[in-house]
Amino acid sequence: MKNSIKIISDDNANCYLQISLNDPSDPYSNYHLSFSYQDGHSEFGGGNRSIHFSEAASFLEKFKAFVNADLKQIRLEATEGSYLLFERLSVKQEAYVRFQIATFLQGAKQPVYVSGQFPIQHSLYSILSQFQILFS
């Protein structure tokens, strides 16, 4: 069973989002959501190891509609203000993922976050399949 998803940028294979189930043996386990970017000179990233996604089943149904081009945009909400937003401007255009990974630092009143967007390298059917496995 696959317990993670890697969504890679179409622009740069060293730019990606990753979602991993922290404890596959625990049905109530949280997830690790992270972003990573590397080029020849630098590395940048951020993540939160204690993410819970809301309404995963509903998201899967919406993702199916997104793959079939019935929806132009879908959003997966997560705790602490984190989210993934999949979108395309038209049916024939490539899909993009927009994201925000947030966490509250101890004592802070506002979250710290990393955000961005990139075009998706893999087929949407493949990503849907990976989400179905991850959320099963």
N, C-alpha and C. Protein backbone atom coordinates (compact mmCIF):
# COMPACT_ATOMS: atom_id res chain seq x y z
N MET A 1 0.85 -1.18 0.00
CA MET A 1 0.00 0.00 0.00
C MET A 1 0.89 1.24 0.00
N LYS A 2 0.55 2.18 -0.84
CA LYS A 2 1.32 3.41 -0.96
C LYS A 2 0.79 4.41 0.06
N ASN A 3 1.69 4.99 0.85
CA ASN A 3 1.29 5.90 1.91
C ASN A 3 1.75 7.33 1.69
N SER A 4 2.07 7.67 0.43
CA SER A 4 2.47 9.04 0.15
C SER A 4 2.16 9.40 -1.31
N ILE A 5 2.09 10.69 -1.53
CA ILE A 5 1.87 11.26 -2.86
C ILE A 5 2.96 12.29 -3.08
N LYS A 6 3.50 12.30 -4.28
CA LYS A 6 4.46 13.33 -4.66
C LYS A 6 3.92 14.01 -5.91
N ILE A 7 3.62 15.29 -5.80
CA ILE A 7 3.11 16.07 -6.92
C ILE A 7 4.26 16.94 -7.41
N ILE A 8 4.74 16.63 -8.61
CA ILE A 8 5.96 17.24 -9.14
C ILE A 8 5.61 18.34 -10.13
N SER A 9 6.40 19.41 -10.09
CA SER A 9 6.23 20.52 -11.02
C SER A 9 6.60 20.11 -12.44
N ASP A 10 5.82 20.54 -13.40
CA ASP A 10 6.13 20.31 -14.80
C ASP A 10 7.32 21.16 -15.25
N ASP A 11 7.57 22.26 -14.54
CA ASP A 11 8.68 23.16 -14.88
C ASP A 11 10.03 22.67 -14.37
N ASN A 12 10.02 21.93 -13.24
CA ASN A 12 11.27 21.56 -12.59
C ASN A 12 11.03 20.33 -11.74
N ALA A 13 11.65 19.22 -12.09
CA ALA A 13 11.44 17.96 -11.36
C ALA A 13 11.93 18.03 -9.92
N ASN A 14 12.71 19.05 -9.59
CA ASN A 14 13.20 19.22 -8.21
C ASN A 14 12.32 20.15 -7.40
N CYS A 15 11.11 20.38 -7.88
CA CYS A 15 10.12 21.20 -7.19
C CYS A 15 8.89 20.34 -7.01
N TYR A 16 8.49 20.08 -5.76
CA TYR A 16 7.36 19.18 -5.54
C TYR A 16 6.71 19.36 -4.18
N LEU A 17 5.48 18.90 -4.11
CA LEU A 17 4.75 18.75 -2.86
C LEU A 17 4.73 17.28 -2.52
N GLN A 18 4.76 16.96 -1.24
CA GLN A 18 4.64 15.57 -0.83
C GLN A 18 3.69 15.48 0.36
N ILE A 19 2.82 14.48 0.31
CA ILE A 19 1.89 14.20 1.39
C ILE A 19 2.15 12.76 1.82
N SER A 20 2.44 12.57 3.11
CA SER A 20 2.73 11.23 3.62
C SER A 20 1.89 10.97 4.86
N LEU A 21 1.40 9.76 4.96
CA LEU A 21 0.70 9.32 6.17
C LEU A 21 1.76 9.00 7.21
N ASN A 22 1.65 9.60 8.39
CA ASN A 22 2.68 9.43 9.41
C ASN A 22 2.74 8.02 9.98
N ASP A 23 1.57 7.42 10.26
CA ASP A 23 1.55 6.08 10.85
C ASP A 23 0.48 5.25 10.14
N PRO A 24 0.86 4.50 9.11
CA PRO A 24 -0.11 3.72 8.34
C PRO A 24 -0.91 2.71 9.17
N SER A 25 -0.39 2.30 10.32
CA SER A 25 -1.12 1.34 11.15
C SER A 25 -2.19 1.99 12.01
N ASP A 26 -2.20 3.32 12.08
CA ASP A 26 -3.17 4.07 12.89
C ASP A 26 -4.23 4.69 11.99
N PRO A 27 -5.51 4.25 12.09
CA PRO A 27 -6.55 4.80 11.21
C PRO A 27 -6.84 6.29 11.46
N TYR A 28 -6.36 6.83 12.58
CA TYR A 28 -6.57 8.25 12.89
C TYR A 28 -5.28 9.07 12.75
N SER A 29 -4.30 8.49 12.07
CA SER A 29 -3.00 9.15 11.93
C SER A 29 -3.13 10.46 11.17
N ASN A 30 -2.23 11.38 11.51
CA ASN A 30 -2.16 12.63 10.77
C ASN A 30 -1.17 12.48 9.61
N TYR A 31 -1.01 13.56 8.85
CA TYR A 31 -0.20 13.54 7.63
C TYR A 31 0.96 14.54 7.74
N HIS A 32 1.97 14.29 6.92
CA HIS A 32 3.07 15.22 6.77
C HIS A 32 2.92 15.85 5.38
N LEU A 33 2.69 17.15 5.33
CA LEU A 33 2.57 17.90 4.08
C LEU A 33 3.81 18.76 3.95
N SER A 34 4.53 18.60 2.83
CA SER A 34 5.77 19.35 2.67
C SER A 34 5.95 19.83 1.23
N PHE A 35 6.75 20.88 1.12
CA PHE A 35 7.14 21.44 -0.17
C PHE A 35 8.66 21.46 -0.22
N SER A 36 9.22 21.15 -1.38
CA SER A 36 10.66 21.18 -1.54
C SER A 36 11.02 21.74 -2.92
N TYR A 37 12.04 22.57 -2.94
CA TYR A 37 12.59 23.10 -4.20
C TYR A 37 14.11 23.05 -4.10
N GLN A 38 14.73 22.53 -5.13
CA GLN A 38 16.20 22.49 -5.18
C GLN A 38 16.64 22.87 -6.58
N ASP A 39 17.69 23.66 -6.64
CA ASP A 39 18.37 23.87 -7.91
C ASP A 39 19.85 23.67 -7.65
N GLY A 40 20.67 23.98 -8.58
CA GLY A 40 22.10 23.72 -8.42
C GLY A 40 22.77 24.50 -7.31
N HIS A 41 22.12 25.58 -6.84
CA HIS A 41 22.78 26.46 -5.88
C HIS A 41 22.07 26.57 -4.54
N SER A 42 20.79 26.23 -4.51
CA SER A 42 20.07 26.47 -3.26
C SER A 42 18.99 25.41 -3.04
N GLU A 43 18.51 25.41 -1.81
CA GLU A 43 17.43 24.53 -1.40
C GLU A 43 16.44 25.34 -0.59
N PHE A 44 15.16 25.09 -0.82
CA PHE A 44 14.12 25.80 -0.07
C PHE A 44 12.99 24.82 0.19
N GLY A 45 12.37 24.94 1.34
CA GLY A 45 11.25 24.05 1.62
C GLY A 45 10.56 24.42 2.92
N GLY A 46 9.51 23.69 3.19
CA GLY A 46 8.77 23.86 4.42
C GLY A 46 7.78 22.72 4.55
N GLY A 47 7.34 22.49 5.77
CA GLY A 47 6.39 21.41 5.98
C GLY A 47 5.75 21.45 7.34
N ASN A 48 4.72 20.65 7.48
CA ASN A 48 4.03 20.48 8.75
C ASN A 48 3.77 18.99 8.91
N ARG A 49 4.27 18.41 10.00
CA ARG A 49 4.15 16.97 10.23
C ARG A 49 2.89 16.58 10.99
N SER A 50 2.01 17.53 11.21
CA SER A 50 0.81 17.24 11.99
C SER A 50 -0.44 17.79 11.32
N ILE A 51 -0.63 17.43 10.07
CA ILE A 51 -1.75 17.92 9.27
C ILE A 51 -2.91 16.92 9.29
N HIS A 52 -4.09 17.45 9.40
CA HIS A 52 -5.31 16.66 9.18
C HIS A 52 -6.08 17.33 8.05
N PHE A 53 -6.58 16.53 7.13
CA PHE A 53 -7.38 17.06 6.02
C PHE A 53 -8.85 16.94 6.35
N SER A 54 -9.62 17.94 5.96
CA SER A 54 -11.06 17.89 6.22
C SER A 54 -11.79 17.45 4.95
N GLU A 55 -12.79 16.63 5.13
CA GLU A 55 -13.68 16.18 4.06
C GLU A 55 -12.94 15.51 2.90
N ALA A 56 -12.10 14.54 3.22
CA ALA A 56 -11.32 13.84 2.19
C ALA A 56 -12.23 13.12 1.20
N ALA A 57 -13.30 12.49 1.68
CA ALA A 57 -14.21 11.76 0.77
C ALA A 57 -14.85 12.70 -0.24
N SER A 58 -15.30 13.85 0.22
CA SER A 58 -15.89 14.85 -0.66
C SER A 58 -14.85 15.37 -1.66
N PHE A 59 -13.62 15.56 -1.19
CA PHE A 59 -12.55 16.01 -2.07
C PHE A 59 -12.32 14.99 -3.19
N LEU A 60 -12.33 13.71 -2.87
CA LEU A 60 -12.12 12.68 -3.89
C LEU A 60 -13.19 12.74 -4.98
N GLU A 61 -14.43 12.96 -4.58
CA GLU A 61 -15.51 13.09 -5.56
C GLU A 61 -15.31 14.32 -6.44
N LYS A 62 -14.90 15.42 -5.82
CA LYS A 62 -14.64 16.64 -6.58
C LYS A 62 -13.43 16.48 -7.50
N PHE A 63 -12.43 15.73 -7.04
CA PHE A 63 -11.25 15.51 -7.88
C PHE A 63 -11.63 14.70 -9.12
N LYS A 64 -12.53 13.74 -8.97
CA LYS A 64 -13.02 12.98 -10.13
C LYS A 64 -13.66 13.93 -11.14
N ALA A 65 -14.48 14.85 -10.66
CA ALA A 65 -15.11 15.82 -11.54
C ALA A 65 -14.07 16.75 -12.17
N PHE A 66 -13.04 17.10 -11.42
CA PHE A 66 -11.96 17.94 -11.93
C PHE A 66 -11.21 17.21 -13.05
N VAL A 67 -10.92 15.94 -12.87
CA VAL A 67 -10.23 15.13 -13.89
C VAL A 67 -11.07 15.08 -15.16
N ASN A 68 -12.38 14.97 -15.01
CA ASN A 68 -13.28 14.90 -16.16
C ASN A 68 -13.62 16.28 -16.73
N ALA A 69 -12.99 17.31 -16.21
CA ALA A 69 -13.16 18.70 -16.66
C ALA A 69 -14.55 19.25 -16.36
N ASP A 70 -15.25 18.66 -15.38
CA ASP A 70 -16.54 19.21 -14.96
C ASP A 70 -16.36 20.38 -13.99
N LEU A 71 -15.23 20.43 -13.33
CA LEU A 71 -14.90 21.53 -12.42
C LEU A 71 -13.56 22.11 -12.83
N LYS A 72 -13.43 23.42 -12.70
CA LYS A 72 -12.16 24.08 -13.05
C LYS A 72 -11.25 24.23 -11.84
N GLN A 73 -11.84 24.05 -10.64
CA GLN A 73 -11.06 24.30 -9.43
C GLN A 73 -11.61 23.46 -8.28
N ILE A 74 -10.70 22.86 -7.50
CA ILE A 74 -11.10 22.13 -6.30
C ILE A 74 -10.09 22.43 -5.20
N ARG A 75 -10.55 22.36 -3.98
CA ARG A 75 -9.70 22.73 -2.84
C ARG A 75 -9.80 21.67 -1.75
N LEU A 76 -8.66 21.29 -1.22
CA LEU A 76 -8.57 20.37 -0.10
C LEU A 76 -8.09 21.16 1.10
N GLU A 77 -8.96 21.32 2.08
CA GLU A 77 -8.64 22.08 3.29
C GLU A 77 -7.91 21.20 4.29
N ALA A 78 -7.04 21.82 5.05
CA ALA A 78 -6.30 21.11 6.09
C ALA A 78 -6.22 22.00 7.34
N THR A 79 -5.71 21.42 8.40
CA THR A 79 -5.62 22.15 9.66
C THR A 79 -4.59 23.28 9.58
N GLU A 80 -4.72 24.20 10.51
CA GLU A 80 -3.81 25.33 10.71
C GLU A 80 -3.72 26.28 9.51
N GLY A 81 -4.74 26.25 8.64
CA GLY A 81 -4.75 27.15 7.49
C GLY A 81 -4.04 26.61 6.26
N SER A 82 -3.67 25.35 6.29
CA SER A 82 -3.03 24.74 5.12
C SER A 82 -4.10 24.32 4.12
N TYR A 83 -3.72 24.28 2.84
CA TYR A 83 -4.64 23.81 1.81
C TYR A 83 -3.89 23.46 0.53
N LEU A 84 -4.57 22.70 -0.32
CA LEU A 84 -4.13 22.44 -1.69
C LEU A 84 -5.27 22.87 -2.59
N LEU A 85 -4.98 23.60 -3.64
CA LEU A 85 -5.98 24.06 -4.59
C LEU A 85 -5.52 23.62 -5.98
N PHE A 86 -6.32 22.79 -6.62
CA PHE A 86 -6.02 22.35 -7.98
C PHE A 86 -6.90 23.16 -8.93
N GLU A 87 -6.30 23.66 -10.00
CA GLU A 87 -7.08 24.50 -10.92
C GLU A 87 -6.51 24.45 -12.33
N ARG A 88 -7.37 24.81 -13.26
CA ARG A 88 -6.96 25.04 -14.65
C ARG A 88 -7.86 26.14 -15.20
N LEU A 89 -7.30 26.91 -16.12
CA LEU A 89 -8.05 28.04 -16.66
C LEU A 89 -9.07 27.59 -17.69
N SER A 90 -8.78 26.51 -18.40
CA SER A 90 -9.74 25.96 -19.36
C SER A 90 -9.53 24.44 -19.42
N VAL A 91 -10.43 23.76 -20.09
CA VAL A 91 -10.40 22.30 -20.18
C VAL A 91 -9.10 21.81 -20.80
N LYS A 92 -8.61 22.52 -21.81
CA LYS A 92 -7.44 22.05 -22.55
C LYS A 92 -6.11 22.47 -21.93
N GLN A 93 -6.14 23.33 -20.95
CA GLN A 93 -4.90 23.80 -20.36
C GLN A 93 -4.41 22.85 -19.28
N GLU A 94 -3.10 22.91 -19.03
CA GLU A 94 -2.54 22.08 -17.98
C GLU A 94 -3.07 22.48 -16.61
N ALA A 95 -3.02 21.55 -15.70
CA ALA A 95 -3.50 21.81 -14.34
C ALA A 95 -2.35 22.36 -13.49
N TYR A 96 -2.73 23.18 -12.54
CA TYR A 96 -1.80 23.76 -11.57
C TYR A 96 -2.22 23.34 -10.18
N VAL A 97 -1.26 23.34 -9.28
CA VAL A 97 -1.58 23.18 -7.86
C VAL A 97 -1.08 24.44 -7.16
N ARG A 98 -1.96 25.02 -6.37
CA ARG A 98 -1.61 26.16 -5.51
C ARG A 98 -1.68 25.62 -4.09
N PHE A 99 -0.77 26.03 -3.24
CA PHE A 99 -0.73 25.44 -1.90
C PHE A 99 -0.33 26.46 -0.85
N GLN A 100 -0.70 26.12 0.37
CA GLN A 100 -0.23 26.84 1.54
C GLN A 100 -0.03 25.80 2.63
N ILE A 101 1.15 25.78 3.19
CA ILE A 101 1.46 24.90 4.31
C ILE A 101 1.73 25.81 5.50
N ALA A 102 0.92 25.66 6.54
CA ALA A 102 1.00 26.58 7.67
C ALA A 102 1.20 25.81 8.98
N THR A 103 1.77 26.51 9.94
CA THR A 103 1.89 25.98 11.29
C THR A 103 1.94 27.16 12.26
N PHE A 104 1.49 26.92 13.46
CA PHE A 104 1.59 27.93 14.51
C PHE A 104 2.82 27.62 15.35
N LEU A 105 3.69 28.60 15.50
CA LEU A 105 4.84 28.45 16.37
C LEU A 105 4.38 28.67 17.80
N GLN A 106 5.02 28.04 18.74
CA GLN A 106 4.62 28.17 20.14
C GLN A 106 4.61 29.63 20.56
N GLY A 107 3.47 30.08 21.06
CA GLY A 107 3.32 31.45 21.52
C GLY A 107 2.96 32.46 20.44
N ALA A 108 2.96 32.05 19.20
CA ALA A 108 2.66 32.98 18.10
C ALA A 108 1.16 33.15 17.93
N LYS A 109 0.75 34.33 17.53
CA LYS A 109 -0.67 34.60 17.29
C LYS A 109 -1.05 34.39 15.83
N GLN A 110 -0.08 34.42 14.96
CA GLN A 110 -0.30 34.23 13.53
C GLN A 110 0.50 33.03 13.06
N PRO A 111 -0.01 32.30 12.06
CA PRO A 111 0.75 31.15 11.55
C PRO A 111 1.94 31.59 10.71
N VAL A 112 2.89 30.71 10.61
CA VAL A 112 4.00 30.85 9.68
C VAL A 112 3.66 29.92 8.52
N TYR A 113 3.88 30.36 7.30
CA TYR A 113 3.50 29.49 6.19
C TYR A 113 4.43 29.66 5.00
N VAL A 114 4.40 28.63 4.16
CA VAL A 114 5.06 28.67 2.87
C VAL A 114 3.95 28.43 1.84
N SER A 115 3.97 29.16 0.75
CA SER A 115 2.92 29.01 -0.25
C SER A 115 3.51 29.18 -1.64
N GLY A 116 2.77 28.71 -2.62
CA GLY A 116 3.22 28.85 -3.99
C GLY A 116 2.30 28.12 -4.94
N GLN A 117 2.72 28.00 -6.18
CA GLN A 117 1.96 27.24 -7.17
C GLN A 117 2.90 26.81 -8.28
N PHE A 118 2.51 25.73 -8.96
CA PHE A 118 3.27 25.26 -10.11
C PHE A 118 2.39 24.37 -10.98
N PRO A 119 2.74 24.24 -12.27
CA PRO A 119 2.01 23.32 -13.14
C PRO A 119 2.36 21.88 -12.77
N ILE A 120 1.39 20.99 -12.89
CA ILE A 120 1.54 19.60 -12.47
C ILE A 120 2.13 18.76 -13.60
N GLN A 121 3.13 17.94 -13.27
CA GLN A 121 3.79 17.10 -14.25
C GLN A 121 2.99 15.84 -14.58
N HIS A 122 2.45 15.18 -13.58
CA HIS A 122 1.81 13.87 -13.78
C HIS A 122 0.37 14.00 -14.26
N SER A 123 -0.14 12.88 -14.75
CA SER A 123 -1.53 12.86 -15.17
C SER A 123 -2.44 13.02 -13.96
N LEU A 124 -3.55 13.68 -14.17
CA LEU A 124 -4.52 13.86 -13.08
C LEU A 124 -5.11 12.53 -12.64
N TYR A 125 -5.25 11.58 -13.57
CA TYR A 125 -5.75 10.25 -13.21
C TYR A 125 -4.81 9.58 -12.22
N SER A 126 -3.52 9.72 -12.44
CA SER A 126 -2.52 9.14 -11.55
C SER A 126 -2.60 9.78 -10.16
N ILE A 127 -2.73 11.08 -10.11
CA ILE A 127 -2.83 11.78 -8.82
C ILE A 127 -4.11 11.38 -8.10
N LEU A 128 -5.22 11.29 -8.84
CA LEU A 128 -6.48 10.85 -8.24
C LEU A 128 -6.32 9.47 -7.63
N SER A 129 -5.71 8.57 -8.36
CA SER A 129 -5.48 7.20 -7.87
C SER A 129 -4.65 7.20 -6.58
N GLN A 130 -3.62 8.03 -6.56
CA GLN A 130 -2.78 8.11 -5.36
C GLN A 130 -3.55 8.66 -4.17
N PHE A 131 -4.38 9.69 -4.40
CA PHE A 131 -5.21 10.22 -3.32
C PHE A 131 -6.19 9.17 -2.81
N GLN A 132 -6.78 8.40 -3.72
CA GLN A 132 -7.73 7.35 -3.31
C GLN A 132 -7.06 6.34 -2.40
N ILE A 133 -5.84 5.97 -2.72
CA ILE A 133 -5.10 5.02 -1.88
C ILE A 133 -4.73 5.66 -0.54
N LEU A 134 -4.24 6.88 -0.60
CA LEU A 134 -3.82 7.57 0.63
C LEU A 134 -4.97 7.77 1.60
N PHE A 135 -6.14 8.11 1.09
CA PHE A 135 -7.30 8.40 1.95
C PHE A 135 -8.18 7.19 2.23
N SER A 136 -7.76 5.99 1.76
CA SER A 136 -8.61 4.81 2.00
C SER A 136 -8.40 4.24 3.39
